[in-house]
Amino acid sequence: MLTGKNKEQFEHYLSGVFKPNHSSWSRLSDFYALPLSMQFGVVQDYADSIGYDVCTFFDETYDENDNSQFECFWSASKNGMIGKDGYCKTRDEARKAAIKAFDEIVNSAT
């Protein structure tokens, strides 16, 4: 998920936010065992704490055969300026892409 300096900062953030006495988990491995959908909100909170915005947007569209499908847009930015954005077909793809872009932006800035 996160790499390099960004991963170190994130895990330091987690150690300050989640204390063993106040959480149902006390090890990093417990956090990483959670489904991506649950991890994503924590990554968003961490990103916000260091001035970044990591988002996914979902929009239902219809193809020429009138079949409904979801378009998932994602972005990772700092102070409201878009750093990277893109398109995916599933929520998980969008989450992974947003986290990857955020990771690249943070690691290149440090």
N, C-alpha and C. Protein backbone atom coordinates (compact mmCIF):
# COMPACT_ATOMS: atom_id res chain seq x y z
N MET A 1 0.84 -1.18 0.00
CA MET A 1 0.00 0.00 0.00
C MET A 1 0.88 1.25 0.00
N LEU A 2 1.38 1.66 1.14
CA LEU A 2 2.28 2.81 1.20
C LEU A 2 3.72 2.31 1.28
N THR A 3 4.65 3.14 0.81
CA THR A 3 6.05 2.74 0.77
C THR A 3 6.95 3.84 1.31
N GLY A 4 8.20 3.49 1.53
CA GLY A 4 9.23 4.46 1.88
C GLY A 4 8.90 5.34 3.07
N LYS A 5 9.28 6.61 2.93
CA LYS A 5 9.08 7.59 3.99
C LYS A 5 7.59 7.76 4.32
N ASN A 6 6.75 7.69 3.31
CA ASN A 6 5.31 7.83 3.53
C ASN A 6 4.79 6.71 4.44
N LYS A 7 5.26 5.48 4.24
CA LYS A 7 4.84 4.37 5.08
C LYS A 7 5.31 4.58 6.52
N GLU A 8 6.54 5.04 6.69
CA GLU A 8 7.06 5.32 8.03
C GLU A 8 6.21 6.37 8.73
N GLN A 9 5.90 7.45 8.03
CA GLN A 9 5.08 8.52 8.60
C GLN A 9 3.68 8.00 8.95
N PHE A 10 3.12 7.19 8.07
CA PHE A 10 1.78 6.64 8.28
C PHE A 10 1.76 5.75 9.53
N GLU A 11 2.74 4.89 9.67
CA GLU A 11 2.76 3.98 10.81
C GLU A 11 3.01 4.75 12.11
N HIS A 12 3.77 5.83 12.04
CA HIS A 12 3.94 6.69 13.21
C HIS A 12 2.59 7.35 13.56
N TYR A 13 1.88 7.81 12.54
CA TYR A 13 0.55 8.38 12.72
C TYR A 13 -0.37 7.36 13.39
N LEU A 14 -0.36 6.13 12.90
CA LEU A 14 -1.22 5.09 13.48
C LEU A 14 -0.89 4.84 14.94
N SER A 15 0.38 4.85 15.28
CA SER A 15 0.76 4.59 16.67
C SER A 15 0.26 5.68 17.60
N GLY A 16 0.07 6.88 17.10
CA GLY A 16 -0.45 7.97 17.90
C GLY A 16 -1.97 8.00 17.97
N VAL A 17 -2.61 7.46 16.96
CA VAL A 17 -4.07 7.50 16.88
C VAL A 17 -4.69 6.29 17.58
N PHE A 18 -4.12 5.14 17.36
CA PHE A 18 -4.69 3.90 17.91
C PHE A 18 -3.81 3.35 19.01
N LYS A 19 -4.28 3.43 20.22
CA LYS A 19 -3.58 2.91 21.39
C LYS A 19 -4.16 1.52 21.71
N PRO A 20 -3.33 0.58 22.17
CA PRO A 20 -3.84 -0.76 22.47
C PRO A 20 -5.03 -0.76 23.44
N ASN A 21 -5.07 0.16 24.39
CA ASN A 21 -6.17 0.18 25.36
C ASN A 21 -7.45 0.78 24.78
N HIS A 22 -7.36 1.43 23.64
CA HIS A 22 -8.52 2.12 23.07
C HIS A 22 -8.94 1.56 21.72
N SER A 23 -8.42 0.43 21.37
CA SER A 23 -8.70 -0.10 20.04
C SER A 23 -8.86 -1.62 20.11
N SER A 24 -9.55 -2.16 19.13
CA SER A 24 -9.72 -3.60 19.07
C SER A 24 -8.49 -4.29 18.49
N TRP A 25 -7.53 -3.53 18.03
CA TRP A 25 -6.29 -4.11 17.52
C TRP A 25 -5.12 -3.31 18.06
N SER A 26 -3.99 -3.96 18.18
CA SER A 26 -2.85 -3.29 18.79
C SER A 26 -1.57 -3.44 17.99
N ARG A 27 -1.60 -4.19 16.90
CA ARG A 27 -0.41 -4.37 16.08
C ARG A 27 -0.68 -3.86 14.67
N LEU A 28 0.37 -3.44 13.99
CA LEU A 28 0.21 -2.98 12.61
C LEU A 28 -0.35 -4.09 11.74
N SER A 29 0.05 -5.33 12.02
CA SER A 29 -0.45 -6.44 11.21
C SER A 29 -1.97 -6.56 11.31
N ASP A 30 -2.53 -6.18 12.46
CA ASP A 30 -3.99 -6.20 12.61
C ASP A 30 -4.63 -5.18 11.66
N PHE A 31 -4.03 -4.00 11.57
CA PHE A 31 -4.55 -2.98 10.66
C PHE A 31 -4.46 -3.47 9.21
N TYR A 32 -3.29 -3.98 8.82
CA TYR A 32 -3.09 -4.41 7.44
C TYR A 32 -3.93 -5.63 7.07
N ALA A 33 -4.47 -6.34 8.06
CA ALA A 33 -5.34 -7.48 7.80
C ALA A 33 -6.78 -7.04 7.48
N LEU A 34 -7.11 -5.78 7.77
CA LEU A 34 -8.45 -5.27 7.48
C LEU A 34 -8.67 -5.20 5.97
N PRO A 35 -9.91 -5.30 5.52
CA PRO A 35 -10.20 -5.12 4.09
C PRO A 35 -9.81 -3.70 3.65
N LEU A 36 -9.46 -3.56 2.39
CA LEU A 36 -9.06 -2.26 1.84
C LEU A 36 -10.11 -1.19 2.10
N SER A 37 -11.39 -1.55 2.02
CA SER A 37 -12.44 -0.56 2.24
C SER A 37 -12.36 0.04 3.64
N MET A 38 -11.90 -0.72 4.62
CA MET A 38 -11.76 -0.21 5.99
C MET A 38 -10.45 0.55 6.17
N GLN A 39 -9.40 0.11 5.51
CA GLN A 39 -8.12 0.80 5.60
C GLN A 39 -8.18 2.17 4.93
N PHE A 40 -8.97 2.28 3.87
CA PHE A 40 -9.00 3.49 3.05
C PHE A 40 -9.36 4.74 3.86
N GLY A 41 -10.35 4.63 4.73
CA GLY A 41 -10.74 5.77 5.54
C GLY A 41 -9.63 6.24 6.46
N VAL A 42 -8.85 5.31 6.99
CA VAL A 42 -7.73 5.67 7.87
C VAL A 42 -6.64 6.36 7.05
N VAL A 43 -6.38 5.85 5.85
CA VAL A 43 -5.40 6.50 4.96
C VAL A 43 -5.86 7.91 4.62
N GLN A 44 -7.17 8.08 4.36
CA GLN A 44 -7.69 9.42 4.07
C GLN A 44 -7.47 10.36 5.26
N ASP A 45 -7.72 9.89 6.47
CA ASP A 45 -7.50 10.72 7.66
C ASP A 45 -6.03 11.08 7.81
N TYR A 46 -5.15 10.11 7.59
CA TYR A 46 -3.71 10.38 7.66
C TYR A 46 -3.31 11.40 6.60
N ALA A 47 -3.79 11.20 5.37
CA ALA A 47 -3.46 12.14 4.29
C ALA A 47 -3.90 13.55 4.65
N ASP A 48 -5.10 13.66 5.18
CA ASP A 48 -5.62 14.97 5.59
C ASP A 48 -4.73 15.60 6.66
N SER A 49 -4.20 14.79 7.58
CA SER A 49 -3.38 15.32 8.66
C SER A 49 -2.07 15.92 8.16
N ILE A 50 -1.63 15.52 6.95
CA ILE A 50 -0.39 16.09 6.41
C ILE A 50 -0.67 16.98 5.19
N GLY A 51 -1.93 17.39 5.03
CA GLY A 51 -2.28 18.38 4.01
C GLY A 51 -2.62 17.84 2.64
N TYR A 52 -2.95 16.56 2.54
CA TYR A 52 -3.30 15.96 1.25
C TYR A 52 -4.76 15.53 1.25
N ASP A 53 -5.32 15.39 0.07
CA ASP A 53 -6.68 14.92 -0.10
C ASP A 53 -6.65 13.71 -1.01
N VAL A 54 -7.15 12.59 -0.51
CA VAL A 54 -7.21 11.35 -1.29
C VAL A 54 -8.68 10.99 -1.41
N CYS A 55 -9.20 10.98 -2.64
CA CYS A 55 -10.64 10.81 -2.85
C CYS A 55 -10.93 9.79 -3.93
N THR A 56 -12.11 9.22 -3.82
CA THR A 56 -12.68 8.44 -4.92
C THR A 56 -14.10 8.95 -5.14
N PHE A 57 -14.52 8.95 -6.38
CA PHE A 57 -15.86 9.40 -6.75
C PHE A 57 -16.49 8.34 -7.62
N PHE A 58 -17.77 8.09 -7.41
CA PHE A 58 -18.45 7.04 -8.15
C PHE A 58 -19.63 7.66 -8.91
N ASP A 59 -19.76 7.30 -10.15
CA ASP A 59 -20.80 7.85 -11.00
C ASP A 59 -21.41 6.73 -11.82
N GLU A 60 -22.70 6.54 -11.71
CA GLU A 60 -23.36 5.50 -12.49
C GLU A 60 -23.58 6.00 -13.91
N THR A 61 -23.17 5.20 -14.86
CA THR A 61 -23.34 5.55 -16.27
C THR A 61 -24.03 4.39 -17.00
N TYR A 62 -24.39 4.62 -18.23
CA TYR A 62 -25.06 3.60 -19.03
C TYR A 62 -24.35 3.48 -20.36
N ASP A 63 -24.17 2.24 -20.81
CA ASP A 63 -23.55 2.05 -22.11
C ASP A 63 -24.62 2.01 -23.20
N GLU A 64 -24.21 1.76 -24.44
CA GLU A 64 -25.16 1.80 -25.56
C GLU A 64 -26.25 0.74 -25.47
N ASN A 65 -26.02 -0.32 -24.71
CA ASN A 65 -27.03 -1.37 -24.53
C ASN A 65 -27.88 -1.12 -23.29
N ASP A 66 -27.75 0.09 -22.73
CA ASP A 66 -28.51 0.50 -21.55
C ASP A 66 -28.20 -0.36 -20.32
N ASN A 67 -26.96 -0.84 -20.25
CA ASN A 67 -26.51 -1.58 -19.07
C ASN A 67 -25.86 -0.61 -18.10
N SER A 68 -26.28 -0.68 -16.88
CA SER A 68 -25.73 0.21 -15.86
C SER A 68 -24.32 -0.24 -15.47
N GLN A 69 -23.45 0.70 -15.29
CA GLN A 69 -22.11 0.40 -14.79
C GLN A 69 -21.63 1.59 -13.97
N PHE A 70 -20.67 1.36 -13.11
CA PHE A 70 -20.13 2.43 -12.30
C PHE A 70 -18.79 2.87 -12.84
N GLU A 71 -18.61 4.16 -12.95
CA GLU A 71 -17.30 4.73 -13.25
C GLU A 71 -16.75 5.25 -11.94
N CYS A 72 -15.52 4.94 -11.66
CA CYS A 72 -14.90 5.35 -10.41
C CYS A 72 -13.73 6.28 -10.73
N PHE A 73 -13.84 7.48 -10.27
CA PHE A 73 -12.78 8.45 -10.48
C PHE A 73 -12.03 8.61 -9.17
N TRP A 74 -10.75 8.86 -9.24
CA TRP A 74 -9.98 9.06 -8.03
C TRP A 74 -9.07 10.26 -8.22
N SER A 75 -8.66 10.82 -7.10
CA SER A 75 -7.68 11.91 -7.15
C SER A 75 -6.86 11.90 -5.88
N ALA A 76 -5.66 12.41 -6.02
CA ALA A 76 -4.78 12.63 -4.88
C ALA A 76 -4.18 14.02 -5.09
N SER A 77 -4.33 14.88 -4.10
CA SER A 77 -3.89 16.27 -4.28
C SER A 77 -3.39 16.85 -2.97
N LYS A 78 -2.72 17.99 -3.08
CA LYS A 78 -2.24 18.72 -1.91
C LYS A 78 -2.82 20.12 -1.97
N ASN A 79 -3.43 20.53 -0.87
CA ASN A 79 -3.99 21.88 -0.75
C ASN A 79 -4.94 22.24 -1.90
N GLY A 80 -5.76 21.29 -2.32
CA GLY A 80 -6.76 21.56 -3.34
C GLY A 80 -6.26 21.49 -4.77
N MET A 81 -4.97 21.33 -4.97
CA MET A 81 -4.42 21.25 -6.32
C MET A 81 -4.33 19.77 -6.71
N ILE A 82 -4.87 19.41 -7.86
CA ILE A 82 -4.85 18.02 -8.30
C ILE A 82 -3.42 17.60 -8.60
N GLY A 83 -3.00 16.54 -7.96
CA GLY A 83 -1.69 15.97 -8.25
C GLY A 83 -1.79 14.93 -9.34
N LYS A 84 -2.71 14.02 -9.16
CA LYS A 84 -2.95 12.97 -10.15
C LYS A 84 -4.42 12.63 -10.07
N ASP A 85 -5.01 12.28 -11.18
CA ASP A 85 -6.38 11.79 -11.15
C ASP A 85 -6.56 10.79 -12.28
N GLY A 86 -7.61 10.00 -12.20
CA GLY A 86 -7.80 8.97 -13.21
C GLY A 86 -9.14 8.29 -13.09
N TYR A 87 -9.29 7.21 -13.81
CA TYR A 87 -10.55 6.50 -13.95
C TYR A 87 -10.32 5.01 -13.72
N CYS A 88 -11.23 4.37 -13.02
CA CYS A 88 -11.21 2.92 -12.81
C CYS A 88 -12.63 2.39 -12.94
N LYS A 89 -12.76 1.09 -13.11
CA LYS A 89 -14.09 0.50 -13.26
C LYS A 89 -14.67 -0.01 -11.95
N THR A 90 -13.87 -0.22 -10.93
CA THR A 90 -14.39 -0.71 -9.65
C THR A 90 -13.93 0.19 -8.51
N ARG A 91 -14.64 0.09 -7.39
CA ARG A 91 -14.28 0.88 -6.21
C ARG A 91 -12.89 0.51 -5.71
N ASP A 92 -12.62 -0.79 -5.63
CA ASP A 92 -11.30 -1.21 -5.13
C ASP A 92 -10.17 -0.72 -6.03
N GLU A 93 -10.36 -0.79 -7.35
CA GLU A 93 -9.35 -0.27 -8.27
C GLU A 93 -9.12 1.21 -8.03
N ALA A 94 -10.20 1.96 -7.82
CA ALA A 94 -10.09 3.40 -7.59
C ALA A 94 -9.37 3.67 -6.27
N ARG A 95 -9.68 2.92 -5.23
CA ARG A 95 -9.01 3.11 -3.94
C ARG A 95 -7.52 2.83 -4.08
N LYS A 96 -7.18 1.72 -4.71
CA LYS A 96 -5.76 1.36 -4.89
C LYS A 96 -5.03 2.41 -5.71
N ALA A 97 -5.65 2.90 -6.76
CA ALA A 97 -5.02 3.92 -7.61
C ALA A 97 -4.82 5.22 -6.85
N ALA A 98 -5.81 5.62 -6.05
CA ALA A 98 -5.70 6.85 -5.28
C ALA A 98 -4.59 6.74 -4.24
N ILE A 99 -4.50 5.61 -3.56
CA ILE A 99 -3.45 5.41 -2.55
C ILE A 99 -2.08 5.39 -3.22
N LYS A 100 -1.97 4.72 -4.37
CA LYS A 100 -0.69 4.67 -5.08
C LYS A 100 -0.25 6.06 -5.52
N ALA A 101 -1.17 6.85 -6.06
CA ALA A 101 -0.83 8.21 -6.50
C ALA A 101 -0.43 9.06 -5.31
N PHE A 102 -1.16 8.97 -4.21
CA PHE A 102 -0.83 9.70 -2.98
C PHE A 102 0.56 9.31 -2.52
N ASP A 103 0.85 8.02 -2.52
CA ASP A 103 2.16 7.53 -2.08
C ASP A 103 3.29 8.11 -2.95
N GLU A 104 3.08 8.11 -4.25
CA GLU A 104 4.09 8.65 -5.17
C GLU A 104 4.31 10.14 -4.92
N ILE A 105 3.23 10.89 -4.73
CA ILE A 105 3.32 12.34 -4.51
C ILE A 105 4.08 12.64 -3.22
N VAL A 106 3.72 11.96 -2.15
CA VAL A 106 4.36 12.21 -0.85
C VAL A 106 5.83 11.81 -0.89
N ASN A 107 6.13 10.64 -1.43
CA ASN A 107 7.53 10.19 -1.46
C ASN A 107 8.40 11.07 -2.36
N SER A 108 7.83 11.63 -3.40
CA SER A 108 8.62 12.51 -4.29
C SER A 108 8.83 13.88 -3.65
N ALA A 109 7.97 14.25 -2.70
CA ALA A 109 8.07 15.57 -2.05
C ALA A 109 9.03 15.54 -0.86
N THR A 110 9.37 14.35 -0.38
CA THR A 110 10.22 14.27 0.81
C THR A 110 11.64 13.91 0.47
